Amino acid sequence: MSRIEGVLKSLKEQGRKALIPYITAGDPHPDQTVELMHTLAAAGADIIELGVPFSDPMADGPVIQLACERALKHGTSLRQVIGMVREFRKTDTKTPVVLMGYLNPMVAMGYREFADAAAQAGVDGVLTVDLPPEEADEVAPLFAERDLDPIFLLAPTTTDDRIRAIAEHSSGYVYYVSIKGVTGSASIDVDEVARKVAHVHELTALPVGVGFGIRDAKTAAAVGKVSDGVIVGSVLVNTIAVHQTDPAALNQALTDLLHPMREALDNQVT
């Protein structure tokens, strides 16, 4: 059982929902990323999605695009991001880490070298936005051999046949994109999310995490009621932008955002 599967199984047994924050590695500076990861874990994160900065983040809105620009300005590379996870693991062996990004850096590094380095550093899962499962035949066995969970996206428009196919190639959890558009682009329709997630659950036993549109404790609680976990990204990344010159204020601001979400989710324990 992978670390991701173990955490989600434990949460389900407790009647709790996963809180999965996203930040972009290297933003606002590579030297701060590991500390921010520890801040997220201390504030209640069950799993951390760590974004690999890329020059053309096509699925992301302006907030995360700017975060990628800030990180790349400091020269943040995929190898450095893996090194950040290795450093994080020196004091946190419990919190799963998912690398989220785009295919090009992985191709440039080489699939096998990436899989080896990621697994050795303590990475638990990989979500590659522009790698559909039909094109993952080369990398999927490498991930499986190293207990790296491949995580794929589902959209509001994903057909039943494709949901089944994606689930077949996934492990850990599936990421349901709650809105049509890029990150941070619209308000979430919880009723529609509830209908879609319930339908996804009819087609796969995998946990379903919902991302895009989670902005505060209220939306986290609402989405948590109808899913297995909530994925929080743009609001955290925007907070990093606002406080990028003041590390102490930044850590406190992230805690002030995430901790109420944790409490709101835990208040739903059945």
Protein backbone atom coordinates (compact mmCIF):
# COMPACT_ATOMS: atom_id res chain seq x y z
CA MET A 1 0.00 0.00 0.00
CA SER A 2 1.41 3.38 -0.98
CA ARG A 3 1.69 6.25 1.47
CA ILE A 4 -1.16 8.03 -0.36
CA GLU A 5 -3.42 4.98 -0.20
CA GLY A 6 -2.60 4.51 3.48
CA VAL A 7 -3.48 8.10 4.40
CA LEU A 8 -6.74 8.08 2.43
CA LYS A 9 -7.73 4.69 3.86
CA SER A 10 -7.09 5.93 7.40
CA LEU A 11 -9.11 9.11 6.79
CA LYS A 12 -12.02 7.11 5.40
CA GLU A 13 -12.03 4.85 8.44
CA GLN A 14 -12.22 7.95 10.63
CA GLY A 15 -15.01 9.48 8.55
CA ARG A 16 -12.72 12.39 7.65
CA LYS A 17 -11.90 14.08 4.35
CA ALA A 18 -8.47 14.81 2.89
CA LEU A 19 -7.10 18.33 2.74
CA ILE A 20 -4.67 18.58 -0.18
CA PRO A 21 -2.98 21.97 -0.64
CA TYR A 22 -0.96 22.89 -3.72
CA ILE A 23 2.00 25.25 -3.92
CA THR A 24 4.50 25.86 -6.71
CA ALA A 25 8.02 24.72 -5.85
CA GLY A 26 10.52 27.58 -5.92
CA ASP A 27 7.90 30.25 -5.26
CA PRO A 28 8.63 32.78 -3.89
CA HIS A 29 12.18 31.38 -3.63
CA PRO A 30 13.60 27.84 -3.76
CA ASP A 31 15.09 28.26 -0.27
CA GLN A 32 11.59 28.72 1.19
CA THR A 33 9.76 25.77 -0.35
CA VAL A 34 10.62 23.09 2.21
CA GLU A 35 9.65 25.38 5.07
CA LEU A 36 6.34 26.13 3.35
CA MET A 37 5.70 22.41 2.95
CA HIS A 38 6.20 21.94 6.69
CA THR A 39 3.87 24.87 7.33
CA LEU A 40 1.16 23.21 5.23
CA ALA A 41 1.60 19.90 7.04
CA ALA A 42 1.44 21.59 10.44
CA ALA A 43 -1.73 23.44 9.42
CA GLY A 44 -3.51 20.18 8.62
CA ALA A 45 -2.51 19.04 5.15
CA ASP A 46 -3.01 15.32 4.58
CA ILE A 47 -1.27 15.27 1.19
CA ILE A 48 0.81 18.01 -0.43
CA GLU A 49 0.73 18.69 -4.17
CA LEU A 50 4.01 20.32 -5.14
CA GLY A 51 3.95 22.05 -8.48
CA VAL A 52 6.91 21.70 -10.82
CA PRO A 53 7.33 25.12 -12.46
CA PHE A 54 6.96 25.15 -16.22
CA SER A 55 7.12 27.94 -18.79
CA ASP A 56 3.76 27.06 -20.41
CA PRO A 57 1.36 25.87 -17.67
CA MET A 58 -1.63 25.58 -19.98
CA ALA A 59 -4.16 24.33 -17.41
CA ASP A 60 -3.39 27.08 -14.93
CA GLY A 61 -4.76 30.57 -14.60
CA PRO A 62 -2.73 33.76 -14.09
CA VAL A 63 -2.10 33.20 -10.37
CA ILE A 64 -0.19 29.95 -10.87
CA GLN A 65 1.30 31.14 -14.16
CA LEU A 66 2.91 34.01 -12.26
CA ALA A 67 4.10 31.60 -9.55
CA CYS A 68 5.82 29.54 -12.24
CA GLU A 69 7.46 32.70 -13.59
CA ARG A 70 8.74 33.63 -10.13
CA ALA A 71 10.10 30.13 -9.57
CA LEU A 72 11.72 29.90 -12.99
CA LYS A 73 13.32 33.32 -12.49
CA HIS A 74 15.27 31.68 -9.66
CA GLY A 75 16.21 28.77 -11.93
CA THR A 76 14.02 26.17 -10.20
CA SER A 77 14.40 22.86 -12.05
CA LEU A 78 12.78 19.45 -11.77
CA ARG A 79 15.94 18.10 -10.15
CA GLN A 80 15.80 20.85 -7.56
CA VAL A 81 12.14 20.11 -6.85
CA ILE A 82 12.99 16.46 -6.23
CA GLY A 83 15.77 17.65 -3.92
CA MET A 84 13.22 19.71 -1.98
CA VAL A 85 11.17 16.58 -1.38
CA ARG A 86 14.30 14.77 -0.21
CA GLU A 87 14.98 17.57 2.27
CA PHE A 88 11.34 17.55 3.45
CA ARG A 89 11.58 13.82 4.09
CA LYS A 90 14.41 14.32 6.60
CA THR A 91 11.83 15.42 9.18
CA ASP A 92 8.48 14.39 7.70
CA THR A 93 8.11 10.77 6.64
CA LYS A 94 4.33 10.74 7.00
CA THR A 95 2.82 13.36 4.67
CA PRO A 96 2.49 12.12 1.07
CA VAL A 97 3.86 14.39 -1.65
CA VAL A 98 2.52 14.47 -5.21
CA LEU A 99 4.53 16.21 -7.93
CA MET A 100 2.15 18.06 -10.22
CA GLY A 101 3.30 19.53 -13.49
CA TYR A 102 3.76 19.08 -17.20
CA LEU A 103 5.43 16.48 -19.37
CA ASN A 104 8.33 18.43 -20.89
CA PRO A 105 10.62 18.56 -17.80
CA MET A 106 10.10 14.83 -17.21
CA VAL A 107 10.94 14.01 -20.84
CA ALA A 108 14.04 16.21 -20.68
CA MET A 109 15.24 14.40 -17.56
CA GLY A 110 14.31 10.96 -18.88
CA TYR A 111 11.48 8.81 -17.59
CA ARG A 112 13.63 6.22 -15.84
CA GLU A 113 15.97 8.73 -14.24
CA PHE A 114 12.99 10.78 -13.08
CA ALA A 115 11.19 7.77 -11.62
CA ASP A 116 14.34 6.61 -9.81
CA ALA A 117 15.14 10.03 -8.40
CA ALA A 118 11.54 10.75 -7.38
CA ALA A 119 11.10 7.44 -5.60
CA GLN A 120 14.45 7.70 -3.83
CA ALA A 121 13.61 11.22 -2.64
CA GLY A 122 10.30 10.15 -1.16
CA VAL A 123 7.82 11.32 -3.79
CA ASP A 124 4.55 9.37 -3.57
CA GLY A 125 2.60 10.31 -6.68
CA VAL A 126 2.90 12.10 -10.00
CA LEU A 127 0.19 14.12 -11.75
CA THR A 128 1.26 15.14 -15.25
CA VAL A 129 -1.41 17.45 -16.65
CA ASP A 130 -0.65 16.92 -20.34
CA LEU A 131 0.05 13.16 -20.20
CA PRO A 132 -3.16 11.24 -20.92
CA PRO A 133 -3.26 7.60 -19.80
CA GLU A 134 -3.28 6.42 -23.43
CA GLU A 135 0.20 7.88 -23.85
CA ALA A 136 1.59 6.73 -20.48
CA ASP A 137 2.56 3.20 -21.53
CA GLU A 138 6.28 3.93 -21.31
CA VAL A 139 6.24 5.60 -17.91
CA ALA A 140 3.45 3.66 -16.17
CA PRO A 141 5.53 0.48 -15.54
CA LEU A 142 8.39 2.59 -14.19
CA PHE A 143 6.02 4.23 -11.71
CA ALA A 144 4.46 0.93 -10.70
CA GLU A 145 7.85 -0.67 -10.01
CA ARG A 146 8.69 2.21 -7.66
CA ASP A 147 5.32 2.57 -5.90
CA LEU A 148 4.70 5.98 -7.46
CA ASP A 149 0.97 6.58 -7.82
CA PRO A 150 -0.02 7.95 -11.26
CA ILE A 151 -2.82 10.47 -10.77
CA PHE A 152 -4.97 11.72 -13.63
CA LEU A 153 -7.53 14.48 -14.11
CA LEU A 154 -11.26 14.11 -14.68
CA ALA A 155 -13.26 17.00 -16.10
CA PRO A 156 -16.98 17.86 -15.98
CA THR A 157 -17.15 16.77 -19.62
CA THR A 158 -15.36 13.42 -19.20
CA THR A 159 -17.45 10.55 -20.59
CA ASP A 160 -18.20 7.35 -18.68
CA ASP A 161 -15.97 5.25 -20.90
CA ARG A 162 -13.10 7.64 -20.37
CA ILE A 163 -13.69 7.81 -16.61
CA ARG A 164 -13.35 4.03 -16.50
CA ALA A 165 -10.20 4.13 -18.63
CA ILE A 166 -8.60 6.85 -16.51
CA ALA A 167 -9.48 5.04 -13.29
CA GLU A 168 -7.97 1.84 -14.65
CA HIS A 169 -4.64 3.60 -15.13
CA SER A 170 -4.77 5.54 -11.84
CA SER A 171 -3.87 4.79 -8.26
CA GLY A 172 -3.95 6.82 -5.07
CA TYR A 173 -6.83 9.07 -6.09
CA VAL A 174 -8.34 10.76 -9.12
CA TYR A 175 -8.43 14.54 -9.38
CA TYR A 176 -11.83 15.90 -10.40
CA VAL A 177 -11.62 19.38 -11.94
CA SER A 178 -14.78 21.06 -10.68
CA ILE A 179 -15.07 23.78 -13.32
CA LYS A 180 -14.61 24.19 -17.04
CA GLY A 181 -11.57 26.40 -17.40
CA VAL A 182 -8.20 27.07 -15.86
CA THR A 183 -7.32 27.25 -12.17
CA GLY A 184 -8.82 30.16 -10.27
CA SER A 185 -11.17 31.06 -13.11
CA ALA A 186 -14.69 30.60 -11.72
CA SER A 187 -16.89 29.91 -8.74
CA ILE A 188 -17.70 26.33 -7.90
CA ASP A 189 -21.19 24.81 -8.34
CA VAL A 190 -21.32 22.42 -5.40
CA ASP A 191 -24.57 20.77 -6.47
CA GLU A 192 -23.11 19.94 -9.85
CA VAL A 193 -19.91 18.69 -8.24
CA ALA A 194 -21.98 16.46 -5.94
CA ARG A 195 -23.80 14.91 -8.89
CA LYS A 196 -20.62 14.33 -10.85
CA VAL A 197 -18.58 12.93 -7.95
CA ALA A 198 -21.40 10.56 -7.01
CA HIS A 199 -21.42 9.33 -10.60
CA VAL A 200 -17.62 8.91 -10.63
CA HIS A 201 -17.94 6.83 -7.46
CA GLU A 202 -20.30 4.52 -9.34
CA LEU A 203 -17.54 3.88 -11.90
CA THR A 204 -14.45 3.55 -9.69
CA ALA A 205 -13.56 2.66 -6.12
CA LEU A 206 -10.70 5.17 -6.12
CA PRO A 207 -11.04 8.20 -3.83
CA VAL A 208 -12.03 11.41 -5.62
CA GLY A 209 -10.31 14.68 -4.76
CA VAL A 210 -11.94 17.86 -6.02
CA GLY A 211 -9.91 20.87 -7.08
CA PHE A 212 -10.41 24.27 -8.75
CA GLY A 213 -12.67 26.72 -6.91
CA ILE A 214 -11.84 25.90 -3.27
CA ARG A 215 -11.25 29.32 -1.75
CA ASP A 216 -12.06 29.21 1.97
CA ALA A 217 -13.39 27.09 4.82
CA LYS A 218 -16.96 27.40 3.58
CA THR A 219 -16.26 26.06 0.09
CA ALA A 220 -13.92 23.41 1.52
CA ALA A 221 -16.66 22.17 3.85
CA ALA A 222 -19.27 22.16 1.09
CA VAL A 223 -17.07 20.22 -1.32
CA GLY A 224 -15.82 17.93 1.46
CA LYS A 225 -19.38 16.77 2.07
CA VAL A 226 -19.60 15.35 -1.45
CA SER A 227 -16.04 14.14 -2.11
CA ASP A 228 -13.15 12.28 -0.52
CA GLY A 229 -10.93 15.33 -0.36
CA VAL A 230 -10.49 18.95 -1.36
CA ILE A 231 -7.54 20.30 -3.33
CA VAL A 232 -6.66 23.94 -2.63
CA GLY A 233 -4.34 25.81 -4.96
CA SER A 234 -4.81 29.30 -6.33
CA VAL A 235 -5.84 30.97 -3.07
CA LEU A 236 -2.66 29.67 -1.39
CA VAL A 237 -0.46 30.63 -4.32
CA ASN A 238 -1.98 34.11 -4.37
CA THR A 239 -1.22 34.43 -0.65
CA ILE A 240 2.39 33.54 -1.40
CA ALA A 241 2.48 36.33 -3.99
CA VAL A 242 1.07 38.88 -1.54
CA HIS A 243 3.55 38.01 1.22
CA GLN A 244 6.53 36.99 -0.89
CA THR A 245 8.90 39.49 0.72
CA ASP A 246 8.02 38.61 4.33
CA PRO A 247 8.63 34.91 5.14
CA ALA A 248 7.20 35.09 8.68
CA ALA A 249 4.02 36.78 7.51
CA LEU A 250 3.77 34.30 4.64
CA ASN A 251 3.90 31.24 6.89
CA GLN A 252 1.30 32.73 9.20
CA ALA A 253 -0.98 33.70 6.32
CA LEU A 254 -0.88 30.17 4.88
CA THR A 255 -1.69 28.74 8.30
CA ASP A 256 -4.55 31.21 8.72
CA LEU A 257 -6.01 30.06 5.41
CA LEU A 258 -5.50 26.32 5.73
CA HIS A 259 -6.26 25.68 9.39
CA PRO A 260 -9.91 26.86 9.18
CA MET A 261 -10.37 24.54 6.18
CA ARG A 262 -9.00 21.65 8.25
CA GLU A 263 -11.41 22.49 11.08
CA ALA A 264 -14.35 22.84 8.71
CA LEU A 265 -13.64 19.43 7.18
CA ASP A 266 -13.15 17.79 10.57
CA ASN A 267 -16.43 19.18 11.85
CA GLN A 268 -18.09 16.86 9.35
CA VAL A 269 -16.72 13.70 11.01
CA THR A 270 -19.49 11.11 11.18
